[in-house]
Amino acid sequence: MISIRFPQPDFKITATNGREMIYDPYRKKYVTLTPEEWVRQNFLNYLVKSREYPGALLSIEKELHLGELRKRCDIVVYSREATPWMIVECKEMGVPLKQPVLEQIVRYHMALPVPWLVITNGVNTWCCRLDNSAASWVFEHDLPDYPPVAPPAPAED
């Protein structure tokens, strides 16, 4: 499990028609402030301000197609080459990070292969990377640094 210290939030929150709304600077619009959205905005804030991930290379609620099903990844982080690099699944604070959450993000990985998967509920965070040589997931003690290291180019004969 990863210990995260979220930066001080500087969110723009307002009320519209009796609902709390939070401004999402990445989608450039106000969205309903649900418990899951609170976790997502704090995690985005952490990635950009604390870990220096580029905000321009984050996709929020990226739509995926799993056969006939349409699903949405909470956060997709792209490499500087614009290839998907990490999927982040956010849950509200009361949702435990158990097997069903991990299975959900692994299904997303089937539609959008990436080397890194992260699940968080704002209190607990798990990060794993794909070990291609063993064809398995390895849990890490921290998030990877950005920029991602590109795989070495194949040697020329």
Protein backbone atom coordinates (compact mmCIF):
# COMPACT_ATOMS: atom_id res chain seq x y z
CA MET A 1 0.00 0.00 0.00
CA ILE A 2 1.20 3.51 -0.81
CA SER A 3 1.04 6.36 1.66
CA ILE A 4 -0.08 9.56 -0.04
CA ARG A 5 -0.08 13.03 1.42
CA PHE A 6 -2.44 15.07 -0.70
CA PRO A 7 -1.50 18.72 -1.33
CA GLN A 8 -3.68 21.43 0.15
CA PRO A 9 -6.74 21.61 -2.13
CA ASP A 10 -7.53 24.84 -3.93
CA PHE A 11 -10.74 23.62 -5.51
CA LYS A 12 -13.51 25.85 -6.83
CA ILE A 13 -16.75 24.56 -5.32
CA THR A 14 -20.19 26.05 -5.90
CA ALA A 15 -23.83 25.09 -5.55
CA THR A 16 -26.12 24.74 -8.55
CA ASN A 17 -29.78 23.69 -8.22
CA GLY A 18 -29.09 22.43 -4.72
CA ARG A 19 -26.10 20.28 -5.75
CA GLU A 20 -22.49 20.89 -4.86
CA MET A 21 -20.33 21.23 -7.96
CA ILE A 22 -16.54 21.17 -8.22
CA TYR A 23 -14.54 22.67 -11.07
CA ASP A 24 -12.45 20.08 -12.90
CA PRO A 25 -9.55 21.96 -14.52
CA TYR A 26 -8.75 19.00 -16.79
CA ARG A 27 -12.24 18.65 -18.23
CA LYS A 28 -12.63 22.45 -17.96
CA LYS A 29 -16.12 22.29 -16.46
CA TYR A 30 -18.01 21.97 -13.20
CA VAL A 31 -19.05 18.42 -12.28
CA THR A 32 -21.19 17.08 -9.45
CA LEU A 33 -19.18 16.77 -6.27
CA THR A 34 -19.77 13.13 -5.34
CA PRO A 35 -17.60 11.27 -2.80
CA GLU A 36 -15.81 9.54 -5.70
CA GLU A 37 -15.26 12.87 -7.49
CA TRP A 38 -13.68 14.25 -4.31
CA VAL A 39 -11.16 11.37 -4.36
CA ARG A 40 -10.55 11.81 -8.11
CA GLN A 41 -9.89 15.57 -7.81
CA ASN A 42 -7.54 15.08 -4.86
CA PHE A 43 -5.67 12.32 -6.69
CA LEU A 44 -5.36 14.45 -9.83
CA ASN A 45 -4.11 17.33 -7.68
CA TYR A 46 -1.54 14.95 -6.14
CA LEU A 47 -0.34 13.64 -9.52
CA VAL A 48 0.16 17.13 -10.96
CA LYS A 49 1.33 19.14 -7.95
CA SER A 50 3.23 16.58 -5.89
CA ARG A 51 4.42 14.08 -8.49
CA GLU A 52 4.78 16.53 -11.41
CA TYR A 53 2.74 14.50 -13.88
CA PRO A 54 1.76 16.77 -16.81
CA GLY A 55 -1.89 17.79 -16.57
CA ALA A 56 -2.10 17.99 -20.36
CA LEU A 57 -1.40 14.25 -20.57
CA LEU A 58 -4.24 13.19 -18.26
CA SER A 59 -7.58 11.97 -19.57
CA ILE A 60 -10.54 11.97 -17.19
CA GLU A 61 -13.38 9.47 -17.58
CA LYS A 62 -11.85 7.98 -20.72
CA GLU A 63 -14.41 5.81 -22.49
CA LEU A 64 -13.47 2.21 -23.26
CA HIS A 65 -15.26 -0.53 -25.17
CA LEU A 66 -15.25 -3.99 -23.60
CA GLY A 67 -17.05 -6.00 -26.23
CA GLU A 68 -20.53 -4.45 -26.35
CA LEU A 69 -20.06 -2.69 -22.99
CA ARG A 70 -19.00 0.92 -22.70
CA LYS A 71 -17.01 1.72 -19.55
CA ARG A 72 -15.10 4.74 -18.30
CA CYS A 73 -11.65 4.83 -16.71
CA ASP A 74 -11.43 7.47 -14.01
CA ILE A 75 -7.96 8.65 -15.05
CA VAL A 76 -5.65 7.63 -17.88
CA VAL A 77 -2.11 8.99 -17.85
CA TYR A 78 -0.34 9.18 -21.21
CA SER A 79 3.35 9.14 -22.00
CA ARG A 80 4.91 12.08 -23.83
CA GLU A 81 4.57 9.93 -26.97
CA ALA A 82 0.77 9.98 -26.37
CA THR A 83 0.53 6.28 -25.57
CA PRO A 84 -1.55 5.14 -22.58
CA TRP A 85 0.80 4.54 -19.66
CA MET A 86 -1.28 4.26 -16.48
CA ILE A 87 -4.91 3.69 -15.52
CA VAL A 88 -6.20 5.00 -12.17
CA GLU A 89 -9.47 3.79 -10.70
CA CYS A 90 -10.92 5.97 -7.94
CA LYS A 91 -13.45 4.82 -5.37
CA GLU A 92 -15.10 6.84 -2.63
CA MET A 93 -13.44 6.67 0.78
CA GLY A 94 -15.80 4.08 2.24
CA VAL A 95 -15.21 1.52 -0.53
CA PRO A 96 -12.57 -1.06 0.42
CA LEU A 97 -9.93 -1.85 -2.20
CA LYS A 98 -10.63 -5.55 -2.55
CA GLN A 99 -10.60 -8.12 -5.34
CA PRO A 100 -13.64 -6.73 -7.27
CA VAL A 101 -11.95 -3.32 -7.65
CA LEU A 102 -8.75 -4.94 -8.88
CA GLU A 103 -10.73 -7.11 -11.29
CA GLN A 104 -12.49 -3.99 -12.61
CA ILE A 105 -9.23 -2.22 -13.46
CA VAL A 106 -7.74 -5.38 -14.97
CA ARG A 107 -10.77 -5.54 -17.31
CA TYR A 108 -10.00 -1.93 -18.32
CA HIS A 109 -6.43 -3.05 -19.00
CA MET A 110 -7.77 -5.64 -21.46
CA ALA A 111 -9.23 -2.81 -23.55
CA LEU A 112 -6.43 -0.32 -22.90
CA PRO A 113 -3.12 -2.10 -22.23
CA VAL A 114 -0.85 -0.06 -19.97
CA PRO A 115 2.19 -0.95 -17.87
CA TRP A 116 0.78 0.60 -14.64
CA LEU A 117 -2.50 0.20 -12.72
CA VAL A 118 -3.49 2.23 -9.66
CA ILE A 119 -6.56 1.93 -7.42
CA THR A 120 -7.31 4.44 -4.69
CA ASN A 121 -10.07 5.38 -2.29
CA GLY A 122 -8.22 8.46 -1.07
CA VAL A 123 -7.16 6.69 2.12
CA ASN A 124 -5.54 3.59 0.63
CA THR A 125 -3.74 3.38 -2.69
CA TRP A 126 -2.37 0.33 -4.49
CA CYS A 127 -0.09 0.46 -7.51
CA CYS A 128 1.08 -2.41 -9.67
CA ARG A 129 3.15 -2.71 -12.79
CA LEU A 130 3.02 -5.31 -15.48
CA ASP A 131 6.05 -7.61 -15.46
CA ASN A 132 6.09 -8.73 -19.09
CA SER A 133 8.80 -11.34 -18.51
CA ALA A 134 6.64 -13.16 -15.94
CA ALA A 135 3.29 -12.10 -17.45
CA SER A 136 2.15 -11.01 -13.99
CA TRP A 137 1.40 -7.92 -11.93
CA VAL A 138 3.89 -6.74 -9.30
CA PHE A 139 2.68 -4.51 -6.48
CA GLU A 140 4.92 -1.51 -5.85
CA HIS A 141 5.51 0.65 -2.76
CA ASP A 142 5.24 3.94 -4.68
CA LEU A 143 3.92 5.40 -7.89
CA PRO A 144 6.37 5.56 -10.78
CA ASP A 145 8.07 8.83 -11.55
CA TYR A 146 7.09 10.78 -14.62
CA PRO A 147 8.26 10.87 -17.40
CA PRO A 148 7.92 7.19 -18.06
CA VAL A 149 11.06 5.50 -19.23
CA ALA A 150 10.63 4.35 -22.79
CA PRO A 151 11.57 0.72 -23.46
CA PRO A 152 14.92 0.35 -25.19
CA ALA A 153 14.85 0.34 -28.96
CA PRO A 154 15.43 -3.06 -30.54
CA ALA A 155 19.05 -3.63 -31.54
CA GLU A 156 19.77 -3.44 -35.23
CA ASP A 157 21.48 -6.41 -36.88
